Amino acid sequence: MLEAVKLALRIVTNAYDDELQALIMAAIADLGIVLNDPDESDALITQAIKTYVRMNFGSPSDYDRLKRSYDEQKAQLASASGYGLS
């Protein structure tokens, strides 16, 4: 997951790996609030994690847009059959 996130953020250095890994774990925990099992191999979950990390890494100028996007992805996953809590 770390390499996929780094690719999405266009990061080639390892200098931010610890911070990025912490954000990935936070994203999984956040998704776990509304999902049965946030499976990192699922493309929709992966995209939501990337959006969460992009939103929280540094100070993005498009934070509000990313926040709306993440919230929408999370809501759609929560209401989708097979994803949301039972």
Protein backbone atom coordinates (compact mmCIF):
# COMPACT_ATOMS: atom_id res chain seq x y z
CA MET A 1 0.00 0.00 0.00
CA LEU A 2 2.86 2.38 0.81
CA GLU A 3 4.26 2.16 -2.72
CA ALA A 4 0.83 2.77 -4.26
CA VAL A 5 0.34 5.84 -2.08
CA LYS A 6 3.81 7.15 -2.91
CA LEU A 7 3.12 6.71 -6.61
CA ALA A 8 -0.21 8.55 -6.30
CA LEU A 9 1.53 11.42 -4.50
CA ARG A 10 4.47 11.39 -6.95
CA ILE A 11 6.93 10.79 -4.09
CA VAL A 12 10.18 9.01 -4.95
CA THR A 13 12.06 9.43 -1.69
CA ASN A 14 11.80 7.26 1.41
CA ALA A 15 12.05 10.30 3.69
CA TYR A 16 8.29 10.40 4.31
CA ASP A 17 7.64 6.66 4.62
CA ASP A 18 6.90 6.71 8.36
CA GLU A 19 4.46 9.62 8.02
CA LEU A 20 2.78 8.07 5.00
CA GLN A 21 2.48 4.69 6.72
CA ALA A 22 0.89 6.36 9.75
CA LEU A 23 -1.61 8.11 7.47
CA ILE A 24 -2.39 4.82 5.72
CA MET A 25 -3.10 3.21 9.09
CA ALA A 26 -5.27 6.17 10.10
CA ALA A 27 -7.21 5.87 6.84
CA ILE A 28 -7.82 2.16 7.41
CA ALA A 29 -8.96 2.87 10.96
CA ASP A 30 -11.25 5.65 9.76
CA LEU A 31 -12.79 3.43 7.10
CA GLY A 32 -13.15 0.70 9.72
CA ILE A 33 -15.66 2.90 11.53
CA VAL A 34 -18.19 2.31 8.73
CA LEU A 35 -16.92 -0.81 6.92
CA ASN A 36 -16.89 -4.48 7.88
CA ASP A 37 -13.34 -5.12 6.73
CA PRO A 38 -11.40 -2.40 4.87
CA ASP A 39 -9.51 -4.78 2.56
CA GLU A 40 -6.50 -2.97 1.10
CA SER A 41 -6.57 -5.18 -1.98
CA ASP A 42 -9.99 -3.82 -2.98
CA ALA A 43 -9.63 -1.06 -5.60
CA LEU A 44 -12.33 1.13 -4.03
CA ILE A 45 -10.74 0.88 -0.59
CA THR A 46 -7.31 1.60 -2.07
CA GLN A 47 -8.62 4.72 -3.78
CA ALA A 48 -10.24 5.96 -0.57
CA ILE A 49 -6.98 5.40 1.33
CA LYS A 50 -5.02 7.34 -1.31
CA THR A 51 -7.51 10.20 -1.11
CA TYR A 52 -7.30 10.25 2.71
CA VAL A 53 -3.51 10.32 2.65
CA ARG A 54 -3.38 13.01 -0.04
CA MET A 55 -5.84 15.07 2.01
CA ASN A 56 -3.78 14.81 5.21
CA PHE A 57 -0.22 14.86 3.88
CA GLY A 58 1.33 18.31 4.20
CA SER A 59 -0.93 21.26 3.52
CA PRO A 60 -2.67 20.60 0.20
CA SER A 61 -4.15 23.66 -1.46
CA ASP A 62 -7.19 21.57 -2.44
CA TYR A 63 -7.90 20.18 1.03
CA ASP A 64 -11.62 21.02 0.90
CA ARG A 65 -12.06 19.25 -2.45
CA LEU A 66 -10.15 16.21 -1.19
CA LYS A 67 -12.18 16.14 2.04
CA ARG A 68 -15.46 16.18 0.09
CA SER A 69 -14.14 13.45 -2.20
CA TYR A 70 -13.03 11.23 0.69
CA ASP A 71 -16.29 11.75 2.59
CA GLU A 72 -18.25 10.81 -0.54
CA GLN A 73 -16.13 7.69 -1.15
CA LYS A 74 -16.55 6.65 2.48
CA ALA A 75 -20.33 7.21 2.38
CA GLN A 76 -20.70 5.25 -0.85
CA LEU A 77 -18.68 2.36 0.54
CA ALA A 78 -20.70 2.40 3.78
CA SER A 79 -23.96 2.10 1.87
CA ALA A 80 -22.76 -0.41 -0.73
CA SER A 81 -23.77 -4.03 -0.40
CA GLY A 82 -20.98 -6.13 1.07
CA TYR A 83 -18.98 -3.19 2.41
CA GLY A 84 -20.94 -1.45 5.18
CA LEU A 85 -21.42 -2.64 8.72
CA SER A 86 -24.23 -5.13 9.22
